[in-house]
Amino acid sequence: MEFDGNISSGLTKEQKLKLYQKEYYAKNKEKMKAYQRDYQKTWLAKPENKEWKKGYMAEYSKHYGKIWRKENPEKWKASLKKYQDTHKEEIKDYQQRWRNTMKAKKMMRIGNWKQLGIEDTDFDLVYDTYINTKECMICGNKFKNSLDRHLDHDHESGEIRFICCRSCNINLL
């Protein structure tokens, strides 16, 4: 259906306006795209506009991305798999770098404790104490390395007892 300017064509005023706008856009598509490109270049040339857009797009992407992933789980999985397949080395390098950060080491250690059944209300405090303890709480020997330090706990209750060396940990069992 084309807009012929005739009000008696059976369409409401709003429908006619939408139809006219669609037709106008179709006829002037390239001209309008060129105008938008030029406008964006001049607008983004200002540093404050560039920063504003960067922040806005980050927030918009977070919000929209969550909604889109929830509504399109299969497309999201396919997209993720495609990305992972084409960026294997980059992902592997990133993961290796991340595992060596203090935050990652802390998260992995606490996760390991939880899997072992250790229970506590403040794992951050336990971790800080664990890392800053330099000698066995039982025999008093200094830890040779990080592998020599163990968090001893009651296997039935999950309660933490000591931070001790490997040999004391074995002898307590």
C-alpha atoms as a PDB file:
ATOM      1  CA  MET A   1       0.000   0.000   0.000  1.00  0.00           C
ATOM      2  CA  GLU A   2       1.471   3.357  -0.975  1.00  0.00           C
ATOM      3  CA  PHE A   3       0.722   6.734   0.487  1.00  0.00           C
ATOM      4  CA  ASP A   4      -1.218   8.671  -2.094  1.00  0.00           C
ATOM      5  CA  GLY A   5      -2.083  11.728   0.012  1.00  0.00           C
ATOM      6  CA  ASN A   6      -5.750  10.811  -0.082  1.00  0.00           C
ATOM      7  CA  ILE A   7      -7.374  10.932   3.372  1.00  0.00           C
ATOM      8  CA  SER A   8     -10.239   8.704   2.284  1.00  0.00           C
ATOM      9  CA  SER A   9      -7.998   5.662   1.738  1.00  0.00           C
ATOM     10  CA  GLY A  10      -9.310   4.036   4.948  1.00  0.00           C
ATOM     11  CA  LEU A  11      -6.249   4.706   7.132  1.00  0.00           C
ATOM     12  CA  THR A  12      -6.083   6.741  10.308  1.00  0.00           C
ATOM     13  CA  LYS A  13      -3.939   9.860  10.399  1.00  0.00           C
ATOM     14  CA  GLU A  14      -1.264   8.057  12.467  1.00  0.00           C
ATOM     15  CA  GLN A  15      -1.167   5.114  10.046  1.00  0.00           C
ATOM     16  CA  LYS A  16      -0.770   7.471   7.096  1.00  0.00           C
ATOM     17  CA  LEU A  17       2.049   9.304   8.860  1.00  0.00           C
ATOM     18  CA  LYS A  18       3.885   6.027   9.591  1.00  0.00           C
ATOM     19  CA  LEU A  19       3.436   4.899   5.996  1.00  0.00           C
ATOM     20  CA  TYR A  20       4.735   8.225   4.687  1.00  0.00           C
ATOM     21  CA  GLN A  21       7.767   8.040   7.002  1.00  0.00           C
ATOM     22  CA  LYS A  22       8.583   4.488   5.846  1.00  0.00           C
ATOM     23  CA  GLU A  23       8.385   5.479   2.205  1.00  0.00           C
ATOM     24  CA  TYR A  24      10.458   8.610   2.779  1.00  0.00           C
ATOM     25  CA  TYR A  25      13.126   6.589   4.570  1.00  0.00           C
ATOM     26  CA  ALA A  26      13.179   3.972   1.803  1.00  0.00           C
ATOM     27  CA  LYS A  27      13.665   6.678  -0.867  1.00  0.00           C
ATOM     28  CA  ASN A  28      16.306   8.618   1.109  1.00  0.00           C
ATOM     29  CA  LYS A  29      18.052   5.802   2.971  1.00  0.00           C
ATOM     30  CA  GLU A  30      21.610   6.526   1.769  1.00  0.00           C
ATOM     31  CA  LYS A  31      21.241  10.267   2.253  1.00  0.00           C
ATOM     32  CA  MET A  32      20.016   9.773   5.839  1.00  0.00           C
ATOM     33  CA  LYS A  33      22.800   7.310   6.678  1.00  0.00           C
ATOM     34  CA  ALA A  34      25.418   9.736   5.347  1.00  0.00           C
ATOM     35  CA  TYR A  35      23.911  12.519   7.458  1.00  0.00           C
ATOM     36  CA  GLN A  36      24.024  10.296  10.570  1.00  0.00           C
ATOM     37  CA  ARG A  37      27.679   9.349   9.937  1.00  0.00           C
ATOM     38  CA  ASP A  38      28.652  13.014   9.572  1.00  0.00           C
ATOM     39  CA  TYR A  39      26.659  14.017  12.638  1.00  0.00           C
ATOM     40  CA  GLN A  40      28.230  11.243  14.734  1.00  0.00           C
ATOM     41  CA  LYS A  41      31.734  12.269  13.629  1.00  0.00           C
ATOM     42  CA  THR A  42      31.234  15.896  14.648  1.00  0.00           C
ATOM     43  CA  TRP A  43      29.389  14.991  17.855  1.00  0.00           C
ATOM     44  CA  LEU A  44      31.976  12.401  18.908  1.00  0.00           C
ATOM     45  CA  ALA A  45      34.805  14.817  18.129  1.00  0.00           C
ATOM     46  CA  LYS A  46      34.049  16.466  21.478  1.00  0.00           C
ATOM     47  CA  PRO A  47      35.756  14.506  24.305  1.00  0.00           C
ATOM     48  CA  GLU A  48      32.880  15.006  26.762  1.00  0.00           C
ATOM     49  CA  ASN A  49      30.415  13.513  24.269  1.00  0.00           C
ATOM     50  CA  LYS A  50      32.700  10.559  23.617  1.00  0.00           C
ATOM     51  CA  GLU A  51      32.998   9.824  27.358  1.00  0.00           C
ATOM     52  CA  TRP A  52      29.251  10.187  27.879  1.00  0.00           C
ATOM     53  CA  LYS A  53      28.480   7.776  25.035  1.00  0.00           C
ATOM     54  CA  LYS A  54      31.029   5.274  26.306  1.00  0.00           C
ATOM     55  CA  GLY A  55      29.399   5.224  29.760  1.00  0.00           C
ATOM     56  CA  TYR A  56      25.890   5.138  28.335  1.00  0.00           C
ATOM     57  CA  MET A  57      26.662   2.253  25.989  1.00  0.00           C
ATOM     58  CA  ALA A  58      28.307   0.262  28.784  1.00  0.00           C
ATOM     59  CA  GLU A  59      25.186   0.578  30.955  1.00  0.00           C
ATOM     60  CA  TYR A  60      22.841  -0.037  28.027  1.00  0.00           C
ATOM     61  CA  SER A  61      24.776  -3.136  26.976  1.00  0.00           C
ATOM     62  CA  LYS A  62      24.647  -4.616  30.484  1.00  0.00           C
ATOM     63  CA  HIS A  63      20.907  -4.118  30.757  1.00  0.00           C
ATOM     64  CA  TYR A  64      20.013  -5.084  27.195  1.00  0.00           C
ATOM     65  CA  GLY A  65      22.445  -7.985  27.164  1.00  0.00           C
ATOM     66  CA  LYS A  66      20.832  -9.593  30.217  1.00  0.00           C
ATOM     67  CA  ILE A  67      17.388  -9.304  28.680  1.00  0.00           C
ATOM     68  CA  TRP A  68      18.522 -10.606  25.295  1.00  0.00           C
ATOM     69  CA  ARG A  69      20.391 -13.579  26.795  1.00  0.00           C
ATOM     70  CA  LYS A  70      17.339 -14.492  28.857  1.00  0.00           C
ATOM     71  CA  GLU A  71      14.994 -14.288  25.856  1.00  0.00           C
ATOM     72  CA  ASN A  72      17.383 -16.010  23.403  1.00  0.00           C
ATOM     73  CA  PRO A  73      19.291 -18.724  25.321  1.00  0.00           C
ATOM     74  CA  GLU A  74      19.974 -20.862  22.247  1.00  0.00           C
ATOM     75  CA  LYS A  75      21.291 -17.934  20.202  1.00  0.00           C
ATOM     76  CA  TRP A  76      23.403 -16.856  23.173  1.00  0.00           C
ATOM     77  CA  LYS A  77      24.922 -20.335  23.529  1.00  0.00           C
ATOM     78  CA  ALA A  78      25.651 -20.505  19.798  1.00  0.00           C
ATOM     79  CA  SER A  79      27.201 -17.041  19.830  1.00  0.00           C
ATOM     80  CA  LEU A  80      29.316 -17.886  22.868  1.00  0.00           C
ATOM     81  CA  LYS A  81      30.498 -21.153  21.325  1.00  0.00           C
ATOM     82  CA  LYS A  82      31.404 -19.388  18.075  1.00  0.00           C
ATOM     83  CA  TYR A  83      33.401 -16.773  20.010  1.00  0.00           C
ATOM     84  CA  GLN A  84      35.175 -19.436  22.073  1.00  0.00           C
ATOM     85  CA  ASP A  85      36.051 -21.439  18.958  1.00  0.00           C
ATOM     86  CA  THR A  86      37.523 -18.428  17.163  1.00  0.00           C
ATOM     87  CA  HIS A  87      39.394 -17.023  20.198  1.00  0.00           C
ATOM     88  CA  LYS A  88      40.790 -20.160  21.883  1.00  0.00           C
ATOM     89  CA  GLU A  89      44.333 -18.861  22.360  1.00  0.00           C
ATOM     90  CA  GLU A  90      43.230 -15.457  23.671  1.00  0.00           C
ATOM     91  CA  ILE A  91      40.887 -17.084  26.180  1.00  0.00           C
ATOM     92  CA  LYS A  92      43.580 -19.521  27.299  1.00  0.00           C
ATOM     93  CA  ASP A  93      46.110 -16.690  27.788  1.00  0.00           C
ATOM     94  CA  TYR A  94      43.571 -14.604  29.709  1.00  0.00           C
ATOM     95  CA  GLN A  95      42.682 -17.504  31.994  1.00  0.00           C
ATOM     96  CA  GLN A  96      46.344 -18.222  32.724  1.00  0.00           C
ATOM     97  CA  ARG A  97      47.004 -14.561  33.550  1.00  0.00           C
ATOM     98  CA  TRP A  98      43.897 -14.411  35.729  1.00  0.00           C
ATOM     99  CA  ARG A  99      44.787 -17.562  37.698  1.00  0.00           C
ATOM    100  CA  ASN A 100      48.017 -15.883  38.755  1.00  0.00           C
ATOM    101  CA  THR A 101      46.284 -12.851  40.296  1.00  0.00           C
ATOM    102  CA  MET A 102      45.869 -12.645  44.064  1.00  0.00           C
ATOM    103  CA  LYS A 103      42.078 -12.385  43.726  1.00  0.00           C
ATOM    104  CA  ALA A 104      41.904 -15.606  41.706  1.00  0.00           C
ATOM    105  CA  LYS A 105      44.204 -17.471  44.076  1.00  0.00           C
ATOM    106  CA  LYS A 106      42.037 -16.394  47.003  1.00  0.00           C
ATOM    107  CA  MET A 107      38.812 -17.435  45.248  1.00  0.00           C
ATOM    108  CA  MET A 108      40.238 -20.829  44.263  1.00  0.00           C
ATOM    109  CA  ARG A 109      41.590 -21.514  47.768  1.00  0.00           C
ATOM    110  CA  ILE A 110      38.288 -20.596  49.464  1.00  0.00           C
ATOM    111  CA  GLY A 111      36.373 -22.677  46.897  1.00  0.00           C
ATOM    112  CA  ASN A 112      38.628 -25.633  47.676  1.00  0.00           C
ATOM    113  CA  TRP A 113      37.994 -25.249  51.397  1.00  0.00           C
ATOM    114  CA  LYS A 114      34.251 -25.205  50.819  1.00  0.00           C
ATOM    115  CA  GLN A 115      34.482 -28.398  48.749  1.00  0.00           C
ATOM    116  CA  LEU A 116      36.371 -30.037  51.615  1.00  0.00           C
ATOM    117  CA  GLY A 117      33.483 -29.208  53.950  1.00  0.00           C
ATOM    118  CA  ILE A 118      35.143 -26.411  55.910  1.00  0.00           C
ATOM    119  CA  GLU A 119      32.505 -24.133  57.361  1.00  0.00           C
ATOM    120  CA  ASP A 120      33.004 -20.585  58.546  1.00  0.00           C
ATOM    121  CA  THR A 121      31.120 -17.302  58.481  1.00  0.00           C
ATOM    122  CA  ASP A 122      34.045 -15.117  57.349  1.00  0.00           C
ATOM    123  CA  PHE A 123      36.243 -16.841  54.791  1.00  0.00           C
ATOM    124  CA  ASP A 124      37.983 -13.533  53.985  1.00  0.00           C
ATOM    125  CA  LEU A 125      39.311 -13.339  57.536  1.00  0.00           C
ATOM    126  CA  VAL A 126      40.288 -17.017  57.495  1.00  0.00           C
ATOM    127  CA  TYR A 127      42.142 -16.540  54.200  1.00  0.00           C
ATOM    128  CA  ASP A 128      43.987 -13.446  55.447  1.00  0.00           C
ATOM    129  CA  THR A 129      45.030 -15.301  58.604  1.00  0.00           C
ATOM    130  CA  TYR A 130      46.044 -18.343  56.544  1.00  0.00           C
ATOM    131  CA  ILE A 131      48.216 -16.276  54.182  1.00  0.00           C
ATOM    132  CA  ASN A 132      49.836 -14.207  56.953  1.00  0.00           C
ATOM    133  CA  THR A 133      50.661 -17.189  59.191  1.00  0.00           C
ATOM    134  CA  LYS A 134      54.338 -17.951  58.646  1.00  0.00           C
ATOM    135  CA  GLU A 135      54.826 -20.865  61.053  1.00  0.00           C
ATOM    136  CA  CYS A 136      52.982 -23.968  62.184  1.00  0.00           C
ATOM    137  CA  MET A 137      50.608 -23.380  65.110  1.00  0.00           C
ATOM    138  CA  ILE A 138      51.440 -26.830  66.520  1.00  0.00           C
ATOM    139  CA  CYS A 139      55.204 -27.385  66.196  1.00  0.00           C
ATOM    140  CA  GLY A 140      56.300 -23.778  65.532  1.00  0.00           C
ATOM    141  CA  ASN A 141      58.386 -24.604  62.419  1.00  0.00           C
ATOM    142  CA  LYS A 142      58.392 -22.064  59.615  1.00  0.00           C
ATOM    143  CA  PHE A 143      56.609 -23.090  56.435  1.00  0.00           C
ATOM    144  CA  LYS A 144      59.062 -23.999  53.672  1.00  0.00           C
ATOM    145  CA  ASN A 145      56.642 -22.949  50.919  1.00  0.00           C
ATOM    146  CA  SER A 146      52.934 -22.428  50.280  1.00  0.00           C
ATOM    147  CA  LEU A 147      52.429 -26.175  49.733  1.00  0.00           C
ATOM    148  CA  ASP A 148      53.632 -26.856  53.298  1.00  0.00           C
ATOM    149  CA  ARG A 149      50.818 -24.739  54.833  1.00  0.00           C
ATOM    150  CA  HIS A 150      47.552 -26.560  55.633  1.00  0.00           C
ATOM    151  CA  LEU A 151      44.234 -25.523  57.134  1.00  0.00           C
ATOM    152  CA  ASP A 152      43.383 -28.296  59.561  1.00  0.00           C
ATOM    153  CA  HIS A 153      39.694 -28.853  60.271  1.00  0.00           C
ATOM    154  CA  ASP A 154      37.346 -31.303  61.934  1.00  0.00           C
ATOM    155  CA  HIS A 155      36.039 -33.554  59.170  1.00  0.00           C
ATOM    156  CA  GLU A 156      32.694 -34.110  60.862  1.00  0.00           C
ATOM    157  CA  SER A 157      31.749 -30.580  61.943  1.00  0.00           C
ATOM    158  CA  GLY A 158      33.814 -28.620  59.385  1.00  0.00           C
ATOM    159  CA  GLU A 159      35.216 -26.456  62.176  1.00  0.00           C
ATOM    160  CA  ILE A 160      38.700 -25.001  61.630  1.00  0.00           C
ATOM    161  CA  ARG A 161      41.303 -26.060  64.215  1.00  0.00           C
ATOM    162  CA  PHE A 162      44.803 -24.995  63.128  1.00  0.00           C
ATOM    163  CA  ILE A 163      46.985 -23.661  60.385  1.00  0.00           C
ATOM    164  CA  CYS A 164      49.772 -26.168  60.449  1.00  0.00           C
ATOM    165  CA  CYS A 165      52.576 -27.769  58.457  1.00  0.00           C
ATOM    166  CA  ARG A 166      52.111 -30.886  56.352  1.00  0.00           C
ATOM    167  CA  SER A 167      53.632 -33.299  58.876  1.00  0.00           C
ATOM    168  CA  CYS A 168      51.522 -31.998  61.783  1.00  0.00           C
ATOM    169  CA  ASN A 169      48.402 -32.153  59.598  1.00  0.00           C
ATOM    170  CA  ILE A 170      49.116 -35.794  58.755  1.00  0.00           C
ATOM    171  CA  ASN A 171      49.896 -36.691  62.393  1.00  0.00           C
ATOM    172  CA  LEU A 172      46.613 -35.129  63.600  1.00  0.00           C
ATOM    173  CA  LEU A 173      44.549 -37.530  61.491  1.00  0.00           C
END
